[in-house]
Amino acid sequence: MTVEELLSRMGSRELAEWMAFERLEGPLGTRHADQLAAMQMAQQHNIHRSKSAKAATVETYLPTWDHGEGRKVQSPEEMLANAKAWTKVMGGTVNTKKGA
């Protein structure tokens, strides 16, 4: 699905909810996939490193997500305003009905 299709099918409220979820949990997808990719990267690094180079561990390549730590907590109204602003920037239309 393209961004244009997404914006034509998803309202600003739903987009704000997904954005909030992703800020807390990290990118959509599974942690398992991150671990598998990190294992592969560490293996490739170690296969091709020189004898004097330090071996990589899975943690070397495992992404970490802050799960919202150290960020200003936004109110639902701020999240919705940001989602509406991004919707406009991306060429979408903002539903102006009450509660949207």
PDB file of N, CA and C in Angstrom:
ATOM      1  N   MET A   1       0.842  -1.169   0.000  1.00  0.00           N
ATOM      2  CA  MET A   1       0.000   0.000   0.000  1.00  0.00           C
ATOM      3  C   MET A   1       0.892   1.238   0.000  1.00  0.00           C
ATOM      4  N   THR A   2       0.546   2.193  -0.819  1.00  0.00           N
ATOM      5  CA  THR A   2       1.313   3.433  -0.870  1.00  0.00           C
ATOM      6  C   THR A   2       0.869   4.368   0.250  1.00  0.00           C
ATOM      7  N   VAL A   3       1.673   5.400   0.500  1.00  0.00           N
ATOM      8  CA  VAL A   3       1.322   6.389   1.520  1.00  0.00           C
ATOM      9  C   VAL A   3       0.006   7.066   1.144  1.00  0.00           C
ATOM     10  N   GLU A   4      -0.169   7.375  -0.142  1.00  0.00           N
ATOM     11  CA  GLU A   4      -1.400   8.029  -0.593  1.00  0.00           C
ATOM     12  C   GLU A   4      -2.620   7.145  -0.318  1.00  0.00           C
ATOM     13  N   GLU A   5      -2.499   5.847  -0.618  1.00  0.00           N
ATOM     14  CA  GLU A   5      -3.600   4.929  -0.340  1.00  0.00           C
ATOM     15  C   GLU A   5      -3.880   4.843   1.158  1.00  0.00           C
ATOM     16  N   LEU A   6      -2.813   4.777   1.937  1.00  0.00           N
ATOM     17  CA  LEU A   6      -2.968   4.706   3.386  1.00  0.00           C
ATOM     18  C   LEU A   6      -3.719   5.922   3.904  1.00  0.00           C
ATOM     19  N   LEU A   7      -3.303   7.100   3.463  1.00  0.00           N
ATOM     20  CA  LEU A   7      -3.927   8.326   3.953  1.00  0.00           C
ATOM     21  C   LEU A   7      -5.372   8.465   3.493  1.00  0.00           C
ATOM     22  N   SER A   8      -5.709   7.867   2.355  1.00  0.00           N
ATOM     23  CA  SER A   8      -7.090   7.939   1.887  1.00  0.00           C
ATOM     24  C   SER A   8      -7.997   6.982   2.659  1.00  0.00           C
ATOM     25  N   ARG A   9      -7.405   5.974   3.304  1.00  0.00           N
ATOM     26  CA  ARG A   9      -8.191   4.963   4.007  1.00  0.00           C
ATOM     27  C   ARG A   9      -8.147   5.097   5.532  1.00  0.00           C
ATOM     28  N   MET A  10      -7.165   5.813   6.059  1.00  0.00           N
ATOM     29  CA  MET A  10      -6.981   5.888   7.507  1.00  0.00           C
ATOM     30  C   MET A  10      -7.194   7.322   7.975  1.00  0.00           C
ATOM     31  N   GLY A  11      -8.012   7.468   8.990  1.00  0.00           N
ATOM     32  CA  GLY A  11      -8.259   8.790   9.545  1.00  0.00           C
ATOM     33  C   GLY A  11      -7.110   9.250  10.428  1.00  0.00           C
ATOM     34  N   SER A  12      -7.096  10.525  10.752  1.00  0.00           N
ATOM     35  CA  SER A  12      -6.012  11.081  11.561  1.00  0.00           C
ATOM     36  C   SER A  12      -5.996  10.485  12.967  1.00  0.00           C
ATOM     37  N   ARG A  13      -7.154  10.140  13.501  1.00  0.00           N
ATOM     38  CA  ARG A  13      -7.204   9.548  14.840  1.00  0.00           C
ATOM     39  C   ARG A  13      -6.507   8.182  14.852  1.00  0.00           C
ATOM     40  N   GLU A  14      -6.817   7.338  13.861  1.00  0.00           N
ATOM     41  CA  GLU A  14      -6.188   6.013  13.804  1.00  0.00           C
ATOM     42  C   GLU A  14      -4.680   6.150  13.571  1.00  0.00           C
ATOM     43  N   LEU A  15      -4.295   7.088  12.703  1.00  0.00           N
ATOM     44  CA  LEU A  15      -2.873   7.309  12.451  1.00  0.00           C
ATOM     45  C   LEU A  15      -2.163   7.732  13.737  1.00  0.00           C
ATOM     46  N   ALA A  16      -2.793   8.614  14.525  1.00  0.00           N
ATOM     47  CA  ALA A  16      -2.203   9.053  15.794  1.00  0.00           C
ATOM     48  C   ALA A  16      -2.051   7.887  16.757  1.00  0.00           C
ATOM     49  N   GLU A  17      -3.050   7.000  16.770  1.00  0.00           N
ATOM     50  CA  GLU A  17      -2.964   5.832  17.654  1.00  0.00           C
ATOM     51  C   GLU A  17      -1.822   4.911  17.251  1.00  0.00           C
ATOM     52  N   TRP A  18      -1.643   4.674  15.950  1.00  0.00           N
ATOM     53  CA  TRP A  18      -0.536   3.832  15.488  1.00  0.00           C
ATOM     54  C   TRP A  18       0.815   4.490  15.774  1.00  0.00           C
ATOM     55  N   MET A  19       0.882   5.812  15.616  1.00  0.00           N
ATOM     56  CA  MET A  19       2.132   6.520  15.904  1.00  0.00           C
ATOM     57  C   MET A  19       2.484   6.388  17.388  1.00  0.00           C
ATOM     58  N   ALA A  20       1.497   6.525  18.255  1.00  0.00           N
ATOM     59  CA  ALA A  20       1.735   6.401  19.698  1.00  0.00           C
ATOM     60  C   ALA A  20       2.169   4.985  20.039  1.00  0.00           C
ATOM     61  N   PHE A  21       1.516   3.999  19.445  1.00  0.00           N
ATOM     62  CA  PHE A  21       1.874   2.600  19.686  1.00  0.00           C
ATOM     63  C   PHE A  21       3.318   2.329  19.265  1.00  0.00           C
ATOM     64  N   GLU A  22       3.691   2.828  18.093  1.00  0.00           N
ATOM     65  CA  GLU A  22       5.044   2.574  17.590  1.00  0.00           C
ATOM     66  C   GLU A  22       6.105   3.274  18.441  1.00  0.00           C
ATOM     67  N   ARG A  23       5.777   4.434  18.985  1.00  0.00           N
ATOM     68  CA  ARG A  23       6.721   5.121  19.874  1.00  0.00           C
ATOM     69  C   ARG A  23       6.995   4.306  21.135  1.00  0.00           C
ATOM     70  N   LEU A  24       5.987   3.625  21.617  1.00  0.00           N
ATOM     71  CA  LEU A  24       6.145   2.828  22.828  1.00  0.00           C
ATOM     72  C   LEU A  24       6.795   1.473  22.557  1.00  0.00           C
ATOM     73  N   GLU A  25       6.430   0.841  21.475  1.00  0.00           N
ATOM     74  CA  GLU A  25       6.835  -0.536  21.233  1.00  0.00           C
ATOM     75  C   GLU A  25       7.957  -0.698  20.208  1.00  0.00           C
ATOM     76  N   GLY A  26       8.344   0.379  19.527  1.00  0.00           N
ATOM     77  CA  GLY A  26       9.318   0.247  18.454  1.00  0.00           C
ATOM     78  C   GLY A  26       8.594   0.008  17.146  1.00  0.00           C
ATOM     79  N   PRO A  27       9.331  -0.064  16.071  1.00  0.00           N
ATOM     80  CA  PRO A  27       8.708  -0.236  14.759  1.00  0.00           C
ATOM     81  C   PRO A  27       7.821  -1.475  14.713  1.00  0.00           C
ATOM     82  N   LEU A  28       6.779  -1.378  13.923  1.00  0.00           N
ATOM     83  CA  LEU A  28       5.881  -2.518  13.781  1.00  0.00           C
ATOM     84  C   LEU A  28       6.656  -3.695  13.209  1.00  0.00           C
ATOM     85  N   GLY A  29       6.387  -4.858  13.686  1.00  0.00           N
ATOM     86  CA  GLY A  29       7.122  -6.054  13.299  1.00  0.00           C
ATOM     87  C   GLY A  29       7.489  -6.797  14.569  1.00  0.00           C
ATOM     88  N   THR A  30       8.219  -7.850  14.430  1.00  0.00           N
ATOM     89  CA  THR A  30       8.517  -8.648  15.614  1.00  0.00           C
ATOM     90  C   THR A  30       9.942  -8.463  16.092  1.00  0.00           C
ATOM     91  N   ARG A  31      10.112  -8.585  17.372  1.00  0.00           N
ATOM     92  CA  ARG A  31      11.445  -8.556  17.974  1.00  0.00           C
ATOM     93  C   ARG A  31      12.263  -9.732  17.453  1.00  0.00           C
ATOM     94  N   HIS A  32      11.583 -10.825  17.189  1.00  0.00           N
ATOM     95  CA  HIS A  32      12.244 -12.022  16.678  1.00  0.00           C
ATOM     96  C   HIS A  32      12.985 -11.719  15.367  1.00  0.00           C
ATOM     97  N   ALA A  33      12.363 -10.963  14.490  1.00  0.00           N
ATOM     98  CA  ALA A  33      12.995 -10.614  13.213  1.00  0.00           C
ATOM     99  C   ALA A  33      14.262  -9.785  13.444  1.00  0.00           C
ATOM    100  N   ASP A  34      14.212  -8.871  14.408  1.00  0.00           N
ATOM    101  CA  ASP A  34      15.398  -8.079  14.744  1.00  0.00           C
ATOM    102  C   ASP A  34      16.526  -8.984  15.224  1.00  0.00           C
ATOM    103  N   GLN A  35      16.182  -9.954  16.051  1.00  0.00           N
ATOM    104  CA  GLN A  35      17.201 -10.868  16.579  1.00  0.00           C
ATOM    105  C   GLN A  35      17.813 -11.727  15.476  1.00  0.00           C
ATOM    106  N   LEU A  36      16.980 -12.222  14.572  1.00  0.00           N
ATOM    107  CA  LEU A  36      17.508 -13.024  13.471  1.00  0.00           C
ATOM    108  C   LEU A  36      18.448 -12.207  12.585  1.00  0.00           C
ATOM    109  N   ALA A  37      18.047 -10.996  12.269  1.00  0.00           N
ATOM    110  CA  ALA A  37      18.898 -10.134  11.443  1.00  0.00           C
ATOM    111  C   ALA A  37      20.204  -9.817  12.164  1.00  0.00           C
ATOM    112  N   ALA A  38      20.137  -9.549  13.462  1.00  0.00           N
ATOM    113  CA  ALA A  38      21.352  -9.253  14.235  1.00  0.00           C
ATOM    114  C   ALA A  38      22.273 -10.464  14.284  1.00  0.00           C
ATOM    115  N   MET A  39      21.696 -11.663  14.402  1.00  0.00           N
ATOM    116  CA  MET A  39      22.510 -12.881  14.398  1.00  0.00           C
ATOM    117  C   MET A  39      23.244 -13.038  13.069  1.00  0.00           C
ATOM    118  N   GLN A  40      22.545 -12.778  11.982  1.00  0.00           N
ATOM    119  CA  GLN A  40      23.164 -12.889  10.657  1.00  0.00           C
ATOM    120  C   GLN A  40      24.269 -11.858  10.471  1.00  0.00           C
ATOM    121  N   MET A  41      24.005 -10.628  10.913  1.00  0.00           N
ATOM    122  CA  MET A  41      25.022  -9.574  10.775  1.00  0.00           C
ATOM    123  C   MET A  41      26.258  -9.885  11.609  1.00  0.00           C
ATOM    124  N   ALA A  42      26.060 -10.352  12.836  1.00  0.00           N
ATOM    125  CA  ALA A  42      27.202 -10.696  13.690  1.00  0.00           C
ATOM    126  C   ALA A  42      28.000 -11.843  13.071  1.00  0.00           C
ATOM    127  N   GLN A  43      27.306 -12.817  12.518  1.00  0.00           N
ATOM    128  CA  GLN A  43      27.987 -13.943  11.886  1.00  0.00           C
ATOM    129  C   GLN A  43      28.817 -13.467  10.692  1.00  0.00           C
ATOM    130  N   GLN A  44      28.249 -12.633   9.856  1.00  0.00           N
ATOM    131  CA  GLN A  44      28.987 -12.116   8.695  1.00  0.00           C
ATOM    132  C   GLN A  44      30.188 -11.279   9.144  1.00  0.00           C
ATOM    133  N   HIS A  45      29.979 -10.457  10.146  1.00  0.00           N
ATOM    134  CA  HIS A  45      31.071  -9.640  10.680  1.00  0.00           C
ATOM    135  C   HIS A  45      32.219 -10.541  11.137  1.00  0.00           C
ATOM    136  N   ASN A  46      31.889 -11.573  11.892  1.00  0.00           N
ATOM    137  CA  ASN A  46      32.918 -12.447  12.459  1.00  0.00           C
ATOM    138  C   ASN A  46      33.601 -13.296  11.398  1.00  0.00           C
ATOM    139  N   ILE A  47      32.876 -13.698  10.374  1.00  0.00           N
ATOM    140  CA  ILE A  47      33.488 -14.472   9.287  1.00  0.00           C
ATOM    141  C   ILE A  47      34.525 -13.639   8.545  1.00  0.00           C
ATOM    142  N   HIS A  48      34.233 -12.363   8.343  1.00  0.00           N
ATOM    143  CA  HIS A  48      35.081 -11.510   7.504  1.00  0.00           C
ATOM    144  C   HIS A  48      36.020 -10.584   8.279  1.00  0.00           C
ATOM    145  N   ARG A  49      36.047 -10.681   9.590  1.00  0.00           N
ATOM    146  CA  ARG A  49      36.924  -9.788  10.358  1.00  0.00           C
ATOM    147  C   ARG A  49      38.349 -10.303  10.329  1.00  0.00           C
ATOM    148  N   SER A  50      39.256  -9.392  10.570  1.00  0.00           N
ATOM    149  CA  SER A  50      40.665  -9.804  10.668  1.00  0.00           C
ATOM    150  C   SER A  50      40.878 -10.472  12.021  1.00  0.00           C
ATOM    151  N   LYS A  51      41.956 -11.203  12.143  1.00  0.00           N
ATOM    152  CA  LYS A  51      42.248 -11.910  13.403  1.00  0.00           C
ATOM    153  C   LYS A  51      42.388 -10.940  14.580  1.00  0.00           C
ATOM    154  N   SER A  52      42.860  -9.738  14.291  1.00  0.00           N
ATOM    155  CA  SER A  52      43.080  -8.776  15.375  1.00  0.00           C
ATOM    156  C   SER A  52      41.822  -7.979  15.731  1.00  0.00           C
ATOM    157  N   ALA A  53      40.793  -8.030  14.881  1.00  0.00           N
ATOM    158  CA  ALA A  53      39.566  -7.262  15.149  1.00  0.00           C
ATOM    159  C   ALA A  53      38.717  -7.979  16.202  1.00  0.00           C
ATOM    160  N   LYS A  54      38.008  -7.192  16.956  1.00  0.00           N
ATOM    161  CA  LYS A  54      37.149  -7.725  18.008  1.00  0.00           C
ATOM    162  C   LYS A  54      35.936  -8.440  17.387  1.00  0.00           C
ATOM    163  N   ALA A  55      35.571  -9.564  17.944  1.00  0.00           N
ATOM    164  CA  ALA A  55      34.404 -10.309  17.467  1.00  0.00           C
ATOM    165  C   ALA A  55      33.125  -9.555  17.827  1.00  0.00           C
ATOM    166  N   ALA A  56      32.161  -9.618  16.922  1.00  0.00           N
ATOM    167  CA  ALA A  56      30.869  -8.990  17.168  1.00  0.00           C
ATOM    168  C   ALA A  56      29.954  -9.972  17.890  1.00  0.00           C
ATOM    169  N   THR A  57      29.083  -9.440  18.707  1.00  0.00           N
ATOM    170  CA  THR A  57      28.048 -10.253  19.351  1.00  0.00           C
ATOM    171  C   THR A  57      26.709  -9.881  18.718  1.00  0.00           C
ATOM    172  N   VAL A  58      25.700 -10.641  19.023  1.00  0.00           N
ATOM    173  CA  VAL A  58      24.365 -10.317  18.512  1.00  0.00           C
ATOM    174  C   VAL A  58      23.973  -8.915  18.981  1.00  0.00           C
ATOM    175  N   GLU A  59      24.311  -8.579  20.218  1.00  0.00           N
ATOM    176  CA  GLU A  59      23.960  -7.264  20.763  1.00  0.00           C
ATOM    177  C   GLU A  59      24.607  -6.121  19.985  1.00  0.00           C
ATOM    178  N   THR A  60      25.749  -6.401  19.324  1.00  0.00           N
ATOM    179  CA  THR A  60      26.404  -5.374  18.522  1.00  0.00           C
ATOM    180  C   THR A  60      25.456  -4.850  17.448  1.00  0.00           C
ATOM    181  N   TYR A  61      24.663  -5.726  16.868  1.00  0.00           N
ATOM    182  CA  TYR A  61      23.789  -5.366  15.758  1.00  0.00           C
ATOM    183  C   TYR A  61      22.307  -5.331  16.118  1.00  0.00           C
ATOM    184  N   LEU A  62      21.964  -5.600  17.350  1.00  0.00           N
ATOM    185  CA  LEU A  62      20.566  -5.617  17.753  1.00  0.00           C
ATOM    186  C   LEU A  62      20.089  -4.195  18.017  1.00  0.00           C
ATOM    187  N   PRO A  63      19.080  -3.732  17.292  1.00  0.00           N
ATOM    188  CA  PRO A  63      18.599  -2.375  17.542  1.00  0.00           C
ATOM    189  C   PRO A  63      17.939  -2.286  18.916  1.00  0.00           C
ATOM    190  N   THR A  64      18.031  -1.119  19.512  1.00  0.00           N
ATOM    191  CA  THR A  64      17.364  -0.896  20.791  1.00  0.00           C
ATOM    192  C   THR A  64      16.343   0.212  20.604  1.00  0.00           C
ATOM    193  N   TRP A  65      15.253   0.094  21.281  1.00  0.00           N
ATOM    194  CA  TRP A  65      14.189   1.092  21.196  1.00  0.00           C
ATOM    195  C   TRP A  65      14.051   1.719  22.569  1.00  0.00           C
ATOM    196  N   ASP A  66      13.827   3.014  22.579  1.00  0.00           N
ATOM    197  CA  ASP A  66      13.764   3.702  23.869  1.00  0.00           C
ATOM    198  C   ASP A  66      12.422   3.548  24.568  1.00  0.00           C
ATOM    199  N   HIS A  67      11.425   3.023  23.895  1.00  0.00           N
ATOM    200  CA  HIS A  67      10.103   2.801  24.496  1.00  0.00           C
ATOM    201  C   HIS A  67       9.569   4.054  25.182  1.00  0.00           C
ATOM    202  N   GLY A  68       9.905   5.192  24.597  1.00  0.00           N
ATOM    203  CA  GLY A  68       9.376   6.446  25.117  1.00  0.00           C
ATOM    204  C   GLY A  68      10.168   7.062  26.251  1.00  0.00           C
ATOM    205  N   GLU A  69      11.212   6.381  26.715  1.00  0.00           N
ATOM    206  CA  GLU A  69      11.994   6.912  27.832  1.00  0.00           C
ATOM    207  C   GLU A  69      12.734   8.175  27.400  1.00  0.00           C
ATOM    208  N   GLY A  70      12.736   9.154  28.244  1.00  0.00           N
ATOM    209  CA  GLY A  70      13.458  10.389  27.975  1.00  0.00           C
ATOM    210  C   GLY A  70      12.724  11.332  27.035  1.00  0.00           C
ATOM    211  N   ARG A  71      11.532  10.984  26.628  1.00  0.00           N
ATOM    212  CA  ARG A  71      10.757  11.850  25.750  1.00  0.00           C
ATOM    213  C   ARG A  71       9.673  12.554  26.544  1.00  0.00           C
ATOM    214  N   LYS A  72       9.339  13.744  26.075  1.00  0.00           N
ATOM    215  CA  LYS A  72       8.226  14.465  26.678  1.00  0.00           C
ATOM    216  C   LYS A  72       6.958  13.669  26.379  1.00  0.00           C
ATOM    217  N   VAL A  73       6.174  13.444  27.393  1.00  0.00           N
ATOM    218  CA  VAL A  73       4.920  12.728  27.210  1.00  0.00           C
ATOM    219  C   VAL A  73       3.909  13.694  26.610  1.00  0.00           C
ATOM    220  N   GLN A  74       3.354  13.295  25.474  1.00  0.00           N
ATOM    221  CA  GLN A  74       2.369  14.143  24.824  1.00  0.00           C
ATOM    222  C   GLN A  74       0.970  13.786  25.302  1.00  0.00           C
ATOM    223  N   SER A  75       0.145  14.807  25.348  1.00  0.00           N
ATOM    224  CA  SER A  75      -1.264  14.574  25.666  1.00  0.00           C
ATOM    225  C   SER A  75      -1.937  13.992  24.422  1.00  0.00           C
ATOM    226  N   PRO A  76      -3.087  13.355  24.585  1.00  0.00           N
ATOM    227  CA  PRO A  76      -3.810  12.868  23.408  1.00  0.00           C
ATOM    228  C   PRO A  76      -4.103  13.984  22.405  1.00  0.00           C
ATOM    229  N   GLU A  77      -4.381  15.171  22.909  1.00  0.00           N
ATOM    230  CA  GLU A  77      -4.663  16.308  22.021  1.00  0.00           C
ATOM    231  C   GLU A  77      -3.426  16.690  21.208  1.00  0.00           C
ATOM    232  N   GLU A  78      -2.241  16.673  21.848  1.00  0.00           N
ATOM    233  CA  GLU A  78      -1.003  16.973  21.128  1.00  0.00           C
ATOM    234  C   GLU A  78      -0.711  15.911  20.072  1.00  0.00           C
ATOM    235  N   MET A  79      -0.932  14.640  20.429  1.00  0.00           N
ATOM    236  CA  MET A  79      -0.715  13.558  19.466  1.00  0.00           C
ATOM    237  C   MET A  79      -1.627  13.707  18.259  1.00  0.00           C
ATOM    238  N   LEU A  80      -2.893  14.022  18.519  1.00  0.00           N
ATOM    239  CA  LEU A  80      -3.848  14.188  17.436  1.00  0.00           C
ATOM    240  C   LEU A  80      -3.470  15.379  16.563  1.00  0.00           C
ATOM    241  N   ALA A  81      -3.048  16.482  17.165  1.00  0.00           N
ATOM    242  CA  ALA A  81      -2.636  17.657  16.401  1.00  0.00           C
ATOM    243  C   ALA A  81      -1.431  17.333  15.527  1.00  0.00           C
ATOM    244  N   ASN A  82      -0.462  16.583  16.067  1.00  0.00           N
ATOM    245  CA  ASN A  82       0.703  16.187  15.278  1.00  0.00           C
ATOM    246  C   ASN A  82       0.316  15.272  14.129  1.00  0.00           C
ATOM    247  N   ALA A  83      -0.575  14.330  14.397  1.00  0.00           N
ATOM    248  CA  ALA A  83      -1.022  13.417  13.338  1.00  0.00           C
ATOM    249  C   ALA A  83      -1.735  14.185  12.232  1.00  0.00           C
ATOM    250  N   LYS A  84      -2.565  15.143  12.605  1.00  0.00           N
ATOM    251  CA  LYS A  84      -3.257  15.950  11.603  1.00  0.00           C
ATOM    252  C   LYS A  84      -2.265  16.765  10.781  1.00  0.00           C
ATOM    253  N   ALA A  85      -1.266  17.331  11.453  1.00  0.00           N
ATOM    254  CA  ALA A  85      -0.254  18.109  10.735  1.00  0.00           C
ATOM    255  C   ALA A  85       0.505  17.229   9.748  1.00  0.00           C
ATOM    256  N   TRP A  86       0.914  16.036  10.175  1.00  0.00           N
ATOM    257  CA  TRP A  86       1.630  15.121   9.279  1.00  0.00           C
ATOM    258  C   TRP A  86       0.731  14.649   8.150  1.00  0.00           C
ATOM    259  N   THR A  87      -0.535  14.438   8.425  1.00  0.00           N
ATOM    260  CA  THR A  87      -1.468  14.035   7.376  1.00  0.00           C
ATOM    261  C   THR A  87      -1.517  15.098   6.294  1.00  0.00           C
ATOM    262  N   LYS A  88      -1.595  16.356   6.698  1.00  0.00           N
ATOM    263  CA  LYS A  88      -1.614  17.465   5.726  1.00  0.00           C
ATOM    264  C   LYS A  88      -0.301  17.537   4.956  1.00  0.00           C
ATOM    265  N   VAL A  89       0.823  17.403   5.661  1.00  0.00           N
ATOM    266  CA  VAL A  89       2.140  17.460   5.016  1.00  0.00           C
ATOM    267  C   VAL A  89       2.267  16.371   3.947  1.00  0.00           C
ATOM    268  N   MET A  90       1.728  15.185   4.251  1.00  0.00           N
ATOM    269  CA  MET A  90       1.821  14.045   3.328  1.00  0.00           C
ATOM    270  C   MET A  90       0.758  14.076   2.238  1.00  0.00           C
ATOM    271  N   GLY A  91      -0.048  15.129   2.209  1.00  0.00           N
ATOM    272  CA  GLY A  91      -1.039  15.265   1.147  1.00  0.00           C
ATOM    273  C   GLY A  91      -2.390  14.655   1.454  1.00  0.00           C
ATOM    274  N   GLY A  92      -2.582  14.209   2.669  1.00  0.00           N
ATOM    275  CA  GLY A  92      -3.868  13.613   3.041  1.00  0.00           C
ATOM    276  C   GLY A  92      -4.871  14.681   3.435  1.00  0.00           C
ATOM    277  N   THR A  93      -6.078  14.242   3.681  1.00  0.00           N
ATOM    278  CA  THR A  93      -7.111  15.165   4.129  1.00  0.00           C
ATOM    279  C   THR A  93      -7.448  14.833   5.578  1.00  0.00           C
ATOM    280  N   VAL A  94      -7.721  15.865   6.323  1.00  0.00           N
ATOM    281  CA  VAL A  94      -8.041  15.721   7.740  1.00  0.00           C
ATOM    282  C   VAL A  94      -9.537  15.770   7.911  1.00  0.00           C
ATOM    283  N   ASN A  95     -10.087  14.783   8.579  1.00  0.00           N
ATOM    284  CA  ASN A  95     -11.507  14.718   8.860  1.00  0.00           C
ATOM    285  C   ASN A  95     -11.820  15.780   9.904  1.00  0.00           C
ATOM    286  N   THR A  96     -12.728  16.662   9.582  1.00  0.00           N
ATOM    287  CA  THR A  96     -13.047  17.760  10.515  1.00  0.00           C
ATOM    288  C   THR A  96     -14.319  17.512  11.306  1.00  0.00           C
ATOM    289  N   LYS A  97     -14.877  16.298  11.193  1.00  0.00           N
ATOM    290  CA  LYS A  97     -16.064  15.972  11.977  1.00  0.00           C
ATOM    291  C   LYS A  97     -15.701  15.985  13.451  1.00  0.00           C
ATOM    292  N   LYS A  98     -16.656  16.301  14.290  1.00  0.00           N
ATOM    293  CA  LYS A  98     -16.417  16.319  15.733  1.00  0.00           C
ATOM    294  C   LYS A  98     -15.978  14.914  16.184  1.00  0.00           C
ATOM    295  N   GLY A  99     -14.910  14.870  17.001  1.00  0.00           N
ATOM    296  CA  GLY A  99     -14.408  13.597  17.519  1.00  0.00           C
ATOM    297  C   GLY A  99     -13.393  12.925  16.601  1.00  0.00           C
ATOM    298  N   ALA A 100     -13.061  13.543  15.497  1.00  0.00           N
ATOM    299  CA  ALA A 100     -12.090  12.930  14.584  1.00  0.00           C
ATOM    300  C   ALA A 100     -10.794  13.671  14.619  1.00  0.00           C
TER     301      ALA A 100
END
